[in-house]
Amino acid sequence: MIAGISYELIRLAGRSDNFLVRIISAPGMWLQRLTTKEPDDSMIEVAIAYVEAVFDWKAYLKETFGYDVEDWEKQDAAAKAQEAEDAEAADGMEAGKAAAEESREQ
């Protein structure tokens, strides 16, 4: 019976933003705030390592969706290299404009 009432209260809290519902939900939210926190980078690295150890997600993506992760990683690296090259070219153009303005001022 308690589980059923709790279930209905949780459903109600998810569906509405009523003041009374917020009051009823507040203690649970306070407890959740005390007991949970965002993972830091080392925790995320450990989680990724464990998932990769048990589940070959790259093969799953390829078999299920035809999505090749290695190709995506290569494309991503090429895009990042192009962005860096474009940024360097933009910096060079800025330096050229500044030098041209200096020569005009003299």
PDB file of N, CA and C in Angstrom:
ATOM      1  N   MET A   1       0.815  -1.186   0.000  1.00  0.00           N
ATOM      2  CA  MET A   1       0.000   0.000   0.000  1.00  0.00           C
ATOM      3  C   MET A   1       0.867   1.262   0.000  1.00  0.00           C
ATOM      4  N   ILE A   2       1.927   1.247   0.821  1.00  0.00           N
ATOM      5  CA  ILE A   2       2.819   2.409   0.891  1.00  0.00           C
ATOM      6  C   ILE A   2       3.519   2.611  -0.449  1.00  0.00           C
ATOM      7  N   ALA A   3       3.925   1.513  -1.064  1.00  0.00           N
ATOM      8  CA  ALA A   3       4.594   1.613  -2.361  1.00  0.00           C
ATOM      9  C   ALA A   3       3.650   2.196  -3.408  1.00  0.00           C
ATOM     10  N   GLY A   4       2.392   1.811  -3.368  1.00  0.00           N
ATOM     11  CA  GLY A   4       1.414   2.325  -4.327  1.00  0.00           C
ATOM     12  C   GLY A   4       1.181   3.810  -4.145  1.00  0.00           C
ATOM     13  N   ILE A   5       1.076   4.250  -2.901  1.00  0.00           N
ATOM     14  CA  ILE A   5       0.886   5.681  -2.625  1.00  0.00           C
ATOM     15  C   ILE A   5       2.120   6.462  -3.066  1.00  0.00           C
ATOM     16  N   SER A   6       3.296   5.929  -2.761  1.00  0.00           N
ATOM     17  CA  SER A   6       4.539   6.592  -3.166  1.00  0.00           C
ATOM     18  C   SER A   6       4.622   6.703  -4.676  1.00  0.00           C
ATOM     19  N   TYR A   7       4.246   5.626  -5.356  1.00  0.00           N
ATOM     20  CA  TYR A   7       4.268   5.625  -6.812  1.00  0.00           C
ATOM     21  C   TYR A   7       3.357   6.718  -7.358  1.00  0.00           C
ATOM     22  N   GLU A   8       2.153   6.810  -6.826  1.00  0.00           N
ATOM     23  CA  GLU A   8       1.206   7.821  -7.299  1.00  0.00           C
ATOM     24  C   GLU A   8       1.707   9.233  -7.005  1.00  0.00           C
ATOM     25  N   LEU A   9       2.331   9.458  -5.853  1.00  0.00           N
ATOM     26  CA  LEU A   9       2.879  10.768  -5.524  1.00  0.00           C
ATOM     27  C   LEU A   9       4.007  11.156  -6.477  1.00  0.00           C
ATOM     28  N   ILE A  10       4.850  10.190  -6.808  1.00  0.00           N
ATOM     29  CA  ILE A  10       5.947  10.453  -7.747  1.00  0.00           C
ATOM     30  C   ILE A  10       5.388  10.789  -9.125  1.00  0.00           C
ATOM     31  N   ARG A  11       4.358  10.047  -9.553  1.00  0.00           N
ATOM     32  CA  ARG A  11       3.715  10.362 -10.843  1.00  0.00           C
ATOM     33  C   ARG A  11       3.115  11.747 -10.839  1.00  0.00           C
ATOM     34  N   LEU A  12       2.435  12.100  -9.751  1.00  0.00           N
ATOM     35  CA  LEU A  12       1.820  13.415  -9.633  1.00  0.00           C
ATOM     36  C   LEU A  12       2.883  14.512  -9.656  1.00  0.00           C
ATOM     37  N   ALA A  13       3.990  14.282  -8.947  1.00  0.00           N
ATOM     38  CA  ALA A  13       5.070  15.277  -8.903  1.00  0.00           C
ATOM     39  C   ALA A  13       5.685  15.471 -10.289  1.00  0.00           C
ATOM     40  N   GLY A  14       5.742  14.436 -11.072  1.00  0.00           N
ATOM     41  CA  GLY A  14       6.302  14.542 -12.414  1.00  0.00           C
ATOM     42  C   GLY A  14       5.393  15.247 -13.397  1.00  0.00           C
ATOM     43  N   ARG A  15       4.091  15.196 -13.135  1.00  0.00           N
ATOM     44  CA  ARG A  15       3.135  15.778 -14.070  1.00  0.00           C
ATOM     45  C   ARG A  15       2.759  17.220 -13.770  1.00  0.00           C
ATOM     46  N   SER A  16       2.899  17.659 -12.527  1.00  0.00           N
ATOM     47  CA  SER A  16       2.406  18.998 -12.205  1.00  0.00           C
ATOM     48  C   SER A  16       3.460  19.821 -11.469  1.00  0.00           C
ATOM     49  N   ASP A  17       3.224  21.109 -11.447  1.00  0.00           N
ATOM     50  CA  ASP A  17       4.129  22.026 -10.761  1.00  0.00           C
ATOM     51  C   ASP A  17       3.327  22.809  -9.710  1.00  0.00           C
ATOM     52  N   ASN A  18       2.442  22.095  -9.013  1.00  0.00           N
ATOM     53  CA  ASN A  18       1.582  22.666  -8.000  1.00  0.00           C
ATOM     54  C   ASN A  18       2.377  22.950  -6.726  1.00  0.00           C
ATOM     55  N   PHE A  19       2.002  23.991  -6.001  1.00  0.00           N
ATOM     56  CA  PHE A  19       2.703  24.361  -4.766  1.00  0.00           C
ATOM     57  C   PHE A  19       2.647  23.227  -3.744  1.00  0.00           C
ATOM     58  N   LEU A  20       1.485  22.593  -3.575  1.00  0.00           N
ATOM     59  CA  LEU A  20       1.334  21.496  -2.614  1.00  0.00           C
ATOM     60  C   LEU A  20       2.222  20.307  -3.008  1.00  0.00           C
ATOM     61  N   VAL A  21       2.281  20.019  -4.287  1.00  0.00           N
ATOM     62  CA  VAL A  21       3.114  18.907  -4.769  1.00  0.00           C
ATOM     63  C   VAL A  21       4.586  19.215  -4.506  1.00  0.00           C
ATOM     64  N   ARG A  22       4.993  20.464  -4.708  1.00  0.00           N
ATOM     65  CA  ARG A  22       6.385  20.839  -4.420  1.00  0.00           C
ATOM     66  C   ARG A  22       6.709  20.680  -2.945  1.00  0.00           C
ATOM     67  N   ILE A  23       5.765  21.016  -2.067  1.00  0.00           N
ATOM     68  CA  ILE A  23       5.983  20.848  -0.624  1.00  0.00           C
ATOM     69  C   ILE A  23       6.136  19.369  -0.273  1.00  0.00           C
ATOM     70  N   ILE A  24       5.288  18.536  -0.857  1.00  0.00           N
ATOM     71  CA  ILE A  24       5.360  17.097  -0.587  1.00  0.00           C
ATOM     72  C   ILE A  24       6.663  16.513  -1.121  1.00  0.00           C
ATOM     73  N   SER A  25       7.142  17.001  -2.260  1.00  0.00           N
ATOM     74  CA  SER A  25       8.352  16.469  -2.895  1.00  0.00           C
ATOM     75  C   SER A  25       9.641  17.022  -2.290  1.00  0.00           C
ATOM     76  N   ALA A  26       9.562  18.137  -1.572  1.00  0.00           N
ATOM     77  CA  ALA A  26      10.766  18.824  -1.087  1.00  0.00           C
ATOM     78  C   ALA A  26      11.699  17.938  -0.260  1.00  0.00           C
ATOM     79  N   PRO A  27      11.212  17.183   0.743  1.00  0.00           N
ATOM     80  CA  PRO A  27      12.158  16.369   1.534  1.00  0.00           C
ATOM     81  C   PRO A  27      12.940  15.369   0.683  1.00  0.00           C
ATOM     82  N   GLY A  28      12.284  14.759  -0.289  1.00  0.00           N
ATOM     83  CA  GLY A  28      12.980  13.816  -1.166  1.00  0.00           C
ATOM     84  C   GLY A  28      14.033  14.502  -2.016  1.00  0.00           C
ATOM     85  N   MET A  29      13.709  15.698  -2.490  1.00  0.00           N
ATOM     86  CA  MET A  29      14.675  16.451  -3.292  1.00  0.00           C
ATOM     87  C   MET A  29      15.861  16.905  -2.448  1.00  0.00           C
ATOM     88  N   TRP A  30      15.599  17.287  -1.200  1.00  0.00           N
ATOM     89  CA  TRP A  30      16.693  17.677  -0.302  1.00  0.00           C
ATOM     90  C   TRP A  30      17.627  16.495  -0.056  1.00  0.00           C
ATOM     91  N   LEU A  31      17.035  15.320   0.167  1.00  0.00           N
ATOM     92  CA  LEU A  31      17.856  14.127   0.391  1.00  0.00           C
ATOM     93  C   LEU A  31      18.666  13.792  -0.858  1.00  0.00           C
ATOM     94  N   GLN A  32      18.052  13.927  -2.015  1.00  0.00           N
ATOM     95  CA  GLN A  32      18.767  13.662  -3.268  1.00  0.00           C
ATOM     96  C   GLN A  32      19.922  14.638  -3.435  1.00  0.00           C
ATOM     97  N   ARG A  33      19.716  15.897  -3.084  1.00  0.00           N
ATOM     98  CA  ARG A  33      20.771  16.890  -3.201  1.00  0.00           C
ATOM     99  C   ARG A  33      21.939  16.570  -2.272  1.00  0.00           C
ATOM    100  N   LEU A  34      21.636  16.003  -1.094  1.00  0.00           N
ATOM    101  CA  LEU A  34      22.691  15.643  -0.146  1.00  0.00           C
ATOM    102  C   LEU A  34      23.492  14.426  -0.590  1.00  0.00           C
ATOM    103  N   THR A  35      22.816  13.485  -1.251  1.00  0.00           N
ATOM    104  CA  THR A  35      23.455  12.197  -1.536  1.00  0.00           C
ATOM    105  C   THR A  35      24.010  12.058  -2.938  1.00  0.00           C
ATOM    106  N   THR A  36      23.785  13.030  -3.798  1.00  0.00           N
ATOM    107  CA  THR A  36      24.300  12.922  -5.171  1.00  0.00           C
ATOM    108  C   THR A  36      25.110  14.158  -5.518  1.00  0.00           C
ATOM    109  N   LYS A  37      26.051  13.978  -6.439  1.00  0.00           N
ATOM    110  CA  LYS A  37      26.820  15.104  -6.964  1.00  0.00           C
ATOM    111  C   LYS A  37      27.308  14.745  -8.355  1.00  0.00           C
ATOM    112  N   GLU A  38      27.724  15.748  -9.091  1.00  0.00           N
ATOM    113  CA  GLU A  38      28.239  15.530 -10.440  1.00  0.00           C
ATOM    114  C   GLU A  38      29.548  14.757 -10.358  1.00  0.00           C
ATOM    115  N   PRO A  39      29.764  13.789 -11.252  1.00  0.00           N
ATOM    116  CA  PRO A  39      31.031  13.060 -11.231  1.00  0.00           C
ATOM    117  C   PRO A  39      32.172  13.939 -11.739  1.00  0.00           C
ATOM    118  N   ASP A  40      33.360  13.722 -11.172  1.00  0.00           N
ATOM    119  CA  ASP A  40      34.513  14.459 -11.691  1.00  0.00           C
ATOM    120  C   ASP A  40      35.110  13.674 -12.861  1.00  0.00           C
ATOM    121  N   ASP A  41      36.120  14.221 -13.493  1.00  0.00           N
ATOM    122  CA  ASP A  41      36.677  13.606 -14.710  1.00  0.00           C
ATOM    123  C   ASP A  41      37.223  12.207 -14.468  1.00  0.00           C
ATOM    124  N   SER A  42      37.852  11.973 -13.309  1.00  0.00           N
ATOM    125  CA  SER A  42      38.410  10.645 -13.045  1.00  0.00           C
ATOM    126  C   SER A  42      37.295   9.603 -12.929  1.00  0.00           C
ATOM    127  N   MET A  43      36.157   9.983 -12.338  1.00  0.00           N
ATOM    128  CA  MET A  43      35.031   9.045 -12.234  1.00  0.00           C
ATOM    129  C   MET A  43      34.489   8.702 -13.619  1.00  0.00           C
ATOM    130  N   ILE A  44      34.423   9.698 -14.483  1.00  0.00           N
ATOM    131  CA  ILE A  44      33.920   9.471 -15.836  1.00  0.00           C
ATOM    132  C   ILE A  44      34.867   8.560 -16.610  1.00  0.00           C
ATOM    133  N   GLU A  45      36.173   8.766 -16.456  1.00  0.00           N
ATOM    134  CA  GLU A  45      37.153   7.907 -17.132  1.00  0.00           C
ATOM    135  C   GLU A  45      37.006   6.461 -16.688  1.00  0.00           C
ATOM    136  N   VAL A  46      36.820   6.240 -15.385  1.00  0.00           N
ATOM    137  CA  VAL A  46      36.649   4.883 -14.866  1.00  0.00           C
ATOM    138  C   VAL A  46      35.379   4.255 -15.429  1.00  0.00           C
ATOM    139  N   ALA A  47      34.293   5.019 -15.474  1.00  0.00           N
ATOM    140  CA  ALA A  47      33.033   4.498 -16.008  1.00  0.00           C
ATOM    141  C   ALA A  47      33.182   4.104 -17.476  1.00  0.00           C
ATOM    142  N   ILE A  48      33.852   4.939 -18.253  1.00  0.00           N
ATOM    143  CA  ILE A  48      34.057   4.624 -19.674  1.00  0.00           C
ATOM    144  C   ILE A  48      34.898   3.363 -19.829  1.00  0.00           C
ATOM    145  N   ALA A  49      35.947   3.238 -19.010  1.00  0.00           N
ATOM    146  CA  ALA A  49      36.806   2.048 -19.082  1.00  0.00           C
ATOM    147  C   ALA A  49      36.011   0.782 -18.761  1.00  0.00           C
ATOM    148  N   TYR A  50      35.150   0.833 -17.751  1.00  0.00           N
ATOM    149  CA  TYR A  50      34.353  -0.335 -17.398  1.00  0.00           C
ATOM    150  C   TYR A  50      33.358  -0.680 -18.492  1.00  0.00           C
ATOM    151  N   VAL A  51      32.717   0.313 -19.071  1.00  0.00           N
ATOM    152  CA  VAL A  51      31.760   0.045 -20.144  1.00  0.00           C
ATOM    153  C   VAL A  51      32.476  -0.572 -21.339  1.00  0.00           C
ATOM    154  N   GLU A  52      33.636  -0.030 -21.682  1.00  0.00           N
ATOM    155  CA  GLU A  52      34.373  -0.579 -22.819  1.00  0.00           C
ATOM    156  C   GLU A  52      34.871  -1.994 -22.543  1.00  0.00           C
ATOM    157  N   ALA A  53      35.138  -2.303 -21.270  1.00  0.00           N
ATOM    158  CA  ALA A  53      35.606  -3.648 -20.927  1.00  0.00           C
ATOM    159  C   ALA A  53      34.501  -4.692 -21.085  1.00  0.00           C
ATOM    160  N   VAL A  54      33.254  -4.290 -20.850  1.00  0.00           N
ATOM    161  CA  VAL A  54      32.167  -5.263 -20.887  1.00  0.00           C
ATOM    162  C   VAL A  54      31.353  -5.210 -22.172  1.00  0.00           C
ATOM    163  N   PHE A  55      31.367  -4.098 -22.845  1.00  0.00           N
ATOM    164  CA  PHE A  55      30.457  -3.908 -23.969  1.00  0.00           C
ATOM    165  C   PHE A  55      31.214  -3.298 -25.138  1.00  0.00           C
ATOM    166  N   ASP A  56      31.237  -4.008 -26.252  1.00  0.00           N
ATOM    167  CA  ASP A  56      31.899  -3.488 -27.444  1.00  0.00           C
ATOM    168  C   ASP A  56      30.928  -2.557 -28.163  1.00  0.00           C
ATOM    169  N   TRP A  57      30.836  -1.317 -27.676  1.00  0.00           N
ATOM    170  CA  TRP A  57      29.853  -0.374 -28.183  1.00  0.00           C
ATOM    171  C   TRP A  57      30.137   0.064 -29.612  1.00  0.00           C
ATOM    172  N   LYS A  58      31.403   0.038 -30.017  1.00  0.00           N
ATOM    173  CA  LYS A  58      31.714   0.417 -31.390  1.00  0.00           C
ATOM    174  C   LYS A  58      31.135  -0.602 -32.375  1.00  0.00           C
ATOM    175  N   ALA A  59      31.289  -1.889 -32.041  1.00  0.00           N
ATOM    176  CA  ALA A  59      30.726  -2.930 -32.907  1.00  0.00           C
ATOM    177  C   ALA A  59      29.199  -2.876 -32.899  1.00  0.00           C
ATOM    178  N   TYR A  60      28.618  -2.593 -31.741  1.00  0.00           N
ATOM    179  CA  TYR A  60      27.159  -2.478 -31.639  1.00  0.00           C
ATOM    180  C   TYR A  60      26.635  -1.360 -32.545  1.00  0.00           C
ATOM    181  N   LEU A  61      27.278  -0.205 -32.501  1.00  0.00           N
ATOM    182  CA  LEU A  61      26.841   0.914 -33.339  1.00  0.00           C
ATOM    183  C   LEU A  61      26.962   0.576 -34.816  1.00  0.00           C
ATOM    184  N   LYS A  62      28.039  -0.133 -35.176  1.00  0.00           N
ATOM    185  CA  LYS A  62      28.245  -0.485 -36.585  1.00  0.00           C
ATOM    186  C   LYS A  62      27.208  -1.512 -37.046  1.00  0.00           C
ATOM    187  N   GLU A  63      26.970  -2.546 -36.207  1.00  0.00           N
ATOM    188  CA  GLU A  63      26.019  -3.589 -36.594  1.00  0.00           C
ATOM    189  C   GLU A  63      24.577  -3.087 -36.597  1.00  0.00           C
ATOM    190  N   THR A  64      24.228  -2.277 -35.612  1.00  0.00           N
ATOM    191  CA  THR A  64      22.841  -1.856 -35.460  1.00  0.00           C
ATOM    192  C   THR A  64      22.478  -0.691 -36.357  1.00  0.00           C
ATOM    193  N   PHE A  65      23.358   0.312 -36.420  1.00  0.00           N
ATOM    194  CA  PHE A  65      23.018   1.538 -37.124  1.00  0.00           C
ATOM    195  C   PHE A  65      23.897   1.809 -38.341  1.00  0.00           C
ATOM    196  N   GLY A  66      24.915   0.959 -38.569  1.00  0.00           N
ATOM    197  CA  GLY A  66      25.818   1.195 -39.683  1.00  0.00           C
ATOM    198  C   GLY A  66      26.720   2.391 -39.447  1.00  0.00           C
ATOM    199  N   TYR A  67      26.971   2.701 -38.197  1.00  0.00           N
ATOM    200  CA  TYR A  67      27.720   3.887 -37.794  1.00  0.00           C
ATOM    201  C   TYR A  67      29.137   3.471 -37.436  1.00  0.00           C
ATOM    202  N   ASP A  68      30.120   3.910 -38.211  1.00  0.00           N
ATOM    203  CA  ASP A  68      31.508   3.524 -37.973  1.00  0.00           C
ATOM    204  C   ASP A  68      32.202   4.607 -37.151  1.00  0.00           C
ATOM    205  N   VAL A  69      32.538   4.269 -35.924  1.00  0.00           N
ATOM    206  CA  VAL A  69      33.106   5.237 -34.985  1.00  0.00           C
ATOM    207  C   VAL A  69      34.487   5.693 -35.444  1.00  0.00           C
ATOM    208  N   GLU A  70      35.287   4.786 -35.991  1.00  0.00           N
ATOM    209  CA  GLU A  70      36.623   5.171 -36.436  1.00  0.00           C
ATOM    210  C   GLU A  70      36.557   6.219 -37.538  1.00  0.00           C
ATOM    211  N   ASP A  71      35.622   6.044 -38.476  1.00  0.00           N
ATOM    212  CA  ASP A  71      35.458   7.043 -39.538  1.00  0.00           C
ATOM    213  C   ASP A  71      35.051   8.386 -38.951  1.00  0.00           C
ATOM    214  N   TRP A  72      34.132   8.347 -37.973  1.00  0.00           N
ATOM    215  CA  TRP A  72      33.692   9.584 -37.338  1.00  0.00           C
ATOM    216  C   TRP A  72      34.853  10.265 -36.621  1.00  0.00           C
ATOM    217  N   GLU A  73      35.683   9.470 -35.927  1.00  0.00           N
ATOM    218  CA  GLU A  73      36.825  10.049 -35.221  1.00  0.00           C
ATOM    219  C   GLU A  73      37.811  10.674 -36.200  1.00  0.00           C
ATOM    220  N   LYS A  74      38.018  10.031 -37.354  1.00  0.00           N
ATOM    221  CA  LYS A  74      38.902  10.602 -38.372  1.00  0.00           C
ATOM    222  C   LYS A  74      38.328  11.904 -38.916  1.00  0.00           C
ATOM    223  N   GLN A  75      37.027  11.916 -39.188  1.00  0.00           N
ATOM    224  CA  GLN A  75      36.384  13.133 -39.689  1.00  0.00           C
ATOM    225  C   GLN A  75      36.454  14.248 -38.663  1.00  0.00           C
ATOM    226  N   ASP A  76      36.261  13.891 -37.392  1.00  0.00           N
ATOM    227  CA  ASP A  76      36.319  14.879 -36.315  1.00  0.00           C
ATOM    228  C   ASP A  76      37.723  15.465 -36.204  1.00  0.00           C
ATOM    229  N   ALA A  77      38.740  14.611 -36.297  1.00  0.00           N
ATOM    230  CA  ALA A  77      40.124  15.093 -36.217  1.00  0.00           C
ATOM    231  C   ALA A  77      40.442  15.999 -37.409  1.00  0.00           C
ATOM    232  N   ALA A  78      39.957  15.632 -38.592  1.00  0.00           N
ATOM    233  CA  ALA A  78      40.188  16.464 -39.773  1.00  0.00           C
ATOM    234  C   ALA A  78      39.485  17.815 -39.635  1.00  0.00           C
ATOM    235  N   ALA A  79      38.283  17.808 -39.086  1.00  0.00           N
ATOM    236  CA  ALA A  79      37.546  19.061 -38.894  1.00  0.00           C
ATOM    237  C   ALA A  79      38.258  19.957 -37.888  1.00  0.00           C
ATOM    238  N   LYS A  80      38.768  19.367 -36.816  1.00  0.00           N
ATOM    239  CA  LYS A  80      39.501  20.156 -35.819  1.00  0.00           C
ATOM    240  C   LYS A  80      40.781  20.727 -36.411  1.00  0.00           C
ATOM    241  N   ALA A  81      41.473  19.948 -37.236  1.00  0.00           N
ATOM    242  CA  ALA A  81      42.686  20.441 -37.883  1.00  0.00           C
ATOM    243  C   ALA A  81      42.353  21.593 -38.827  1.00  0.00           C
ATOM    244  N   GLN A  82      41.247  21.473 -39.555  1.00  0.00           N
ATOM    245  CA  GLN A  82      40.820  22.540 -40.460  1.00  0.00           C
ATOM    246  C   GLN A  82      40.461  23.803 -39.676  1.00  0.00           C
ATOM    247  N   GLU A  83      39.789  23.634 -38.539  1.00  0.00           N
ATOM    248  CA  GLU A  83      39.441  24.796 -37.704  1.00  0.00           C
ATOM    249  C   GLU A  83      40.705  25.492 -37.208  1.00  0.00           C
ATOM    250  N   ALA A  84      41.694  24.714 -36.784  1.00  0.00           N
ATOM    251  CA  ALA A  84      42.950  25.296 -36.308  1.00  0.00           C
ATOM    252  C   ALA A  84      43.653  26.040 -37.444  1.00  0.00           C
ATOM    253  N   GLU A  85      43.645  25.433 -38.631  1.00  0.00           N
ATOM    254  CA  GLU A  85      44.262  26.067 -39.797  1.00  0.00           C
ATOM    255  C   GLU A  85      43.550  27.369 -40.150  1.00  0.00           C
ATOM    256  N   ASP A  86      42.214  27.355 -40.089  1.00  0.00           N
ATOM    257  CA  ASP A  86      41.433  28.562 -40.373  1.00  0.00           C
ATOM    258  C   ASP A  86      41.711  29.644 -39.335  1.00  0.00           C
ATOM    259  N   ALA A  87      41.852  29.243 -38.080  1.00  0.00           N
ATOM    260  CA  ALA A  87      42.139  30.213 -37.016  1.00  0.00           C
ATOM    261  C   ALA A  87      43.509  30.843 -37.228  1.00  0.00           C
ATOM    262  N   GLU A  88      44.489  30.026 -37.630  1.00  0.00           N
ATOM    263  CA  GLU A  88      45.826  30.560 -37.902  1.00  0.00           C
ATOM    264  C   GLU A  88      45.785  31.528 -39.083  1.00  0.00           C
ATOM    265  N   ALA A  89      45.024  31.186 -40.098  1.00  0.00           N
ATOM    266  CA  ALA A  89      44.906  32.062 -41.267  1.00  0.00           C
ATOM    267  C   ALA A  89      44.225  33.370 -40.888  1.00  0.00           C
ATOM    268  N   ALA A  90      43.223  33.291 -40.038  1.00  0.00           N
ATOM    269  CA  ALA A  90      42.527  34.505 -39.589  1.00  0.00           C
ATOM    270  C   ALA A  90      43.459  35.374 -38.762  1.00  0.00           C
ATOM    271  N   ASP A  91      44.290  34.740 -37.919  1.00  0.00           N
ATOM    272  CA  ASP A  91      45.259  35.497 -37.130  1.00  0.00           C
ATOM    273  C   ASP A  91      46.270  36.183 -38.044  1.00  0.00           C
ATOM    274  N   GLY A  92      46.675  35.487 -39.087  1.00  0.00           N
ATOM    275  CA  GLY A  92      47.617  36.066 -40.054  1.00  0.00           C
ATOM    276  C   GLY A  92      47.012  37.248 -40.776  1.00  0.00           C
ATOM    277  N   MET A  93      45.728  37.147 -41.112  1.00  0.00           N
ATOM    278  CA  MET A  93      45.051  38.250 -41.783  1.00  0.00           C
ATOM    279  C   MET A  93      44.926  39.449 -40.846  1.00  0.00           C
ATOM    280  N   GLU A  94      44.641  39.189 -39.581  1.00  0.00           N
ATOM    281  CA  GLU A  94      44.537  40.273 -38.594  1.00  0.00           C
ATOM    282  C   GLU A  94      45.890  40.989 -38.465  1.00  0.00           C
ATOM    283  N   ALA A  95      46.973  40.198 -38.413  1.00  0.00           N
ATOM    284  CA  ALA A  95      48.309  40.786 -38.292  1.00  0.00           C
ATOM    285  C   ALA A  95      48.635  41.607 -39.541  1.00  0.00           C
ATOM    286  N   GLY A  96      48.243  41.110 -40.704  1.00  0.00           N
ATOM    287  CA  GLY A  96      48.481  41.835 -41.944  1.00  0.00           C
ATOM    288  C   GLY A  96      47.713  43.144 -41.984  1.00  0.00           C
ATOM    289  N   LYS A  97      46.473  43.134 -41.520  1.00  0.00           N
ATOM    290  CA  LYS A  97      45.676  44.364 -41.478  1.00  0.00           C
ATOM    291  C   LYS A  97      46.291  45.375 -40.519  1.00  0.00           C
ATOM    292  N   ALA A  98      46.738  44.888 -39.377  1.00  0.00           N
ATOM    293  CA  ALA A  98      47.346  45.790 -38.396  1.00  0.00           C
ATOM    294  C   ALA A  98      48.619  46.413 -38.956  1.00  0.00           C
ATOM    295  N   ALA A  99      49.429  45.617 -39.644  1.00  0.00           N
ATOM    296  CA  ALA A  99      50.669  46.138 -40.238  1.00  0.00           C
ATOM    297  C   ALA A  99      50.340  47.151 -41.336  1.00  0.00           C
ATOM    298  N   ALA A 100      49.318  46.895 -42.131  1.00  0.00           N
ATOM    299  CA  ALA A 100      48.939  47.833 -43.196  1.00  0.00           C
ATOM    300  C   ALA A 100      48.448  49.154 -42.610  1.00  0.00           C
ATOM    301  N   GLU A 101      47.699  49.091 -41.526  1.00  0.00           N
ATOM    302  CA  GLU A 101      47.222  50.321 -40.899  1.00  0.00           C
ATOM    303  C   GLU A 101      48.370  51.118 -40.286  1.00  0.00           C
ATOM    304  N   GLU A 102      49.327  50.414 -39.720  1.00  0.00           N
ATOM    305  CA  GLU A 102      50.505  51.093 -39.146  1.00  0.00           C
ATOM    306  C   GLU A 102      51.291  51.805 -40.254  1.00  0.00           C
ATOM    307  N   SER A 103      51.456  51.156 -41.396  1.00  0.00           N
ATOM    308  CA  SER A 103      52.201  51.777 -42.485  1.00  0.00           C
ATOM    309  C   SER A 103      51.438  52.967 -43.061  1.00  0.00           C
ATOM    310  N   ARG A 104      50.121  52.923 -43.063  1.00  0.00           N
ATOM    311  CA  ARG A 104      49.320  54.062 -43.537  1.00  0.00           C
ATOM    312  C   ARG A 104      49.433  55.239 -42.595  1.00  0.00           C
ATOM    313  N   GLU A 105      49.503  54.965 -41.299  1.00  0.00           N
ATOM    314  CA  GLU A 105      49.586  56.042 -40.312  1.00  0.00           C
ATOM    315  C   GLU A 105      50.903  56.780 -40.407  1.00  0.00           C
ATOM    316  N   GLN A 106      51.947  56.125 -40.862  1.00  0.00           N
ATOM    317  CA  GLN A 106      53.275  56.752 -40.917  1.00  0.00           C
ATOM    318  C   GLN A 106      53.426  57.504 -42.156  1.00  0.00           C
TER     319      GLN A 106
END
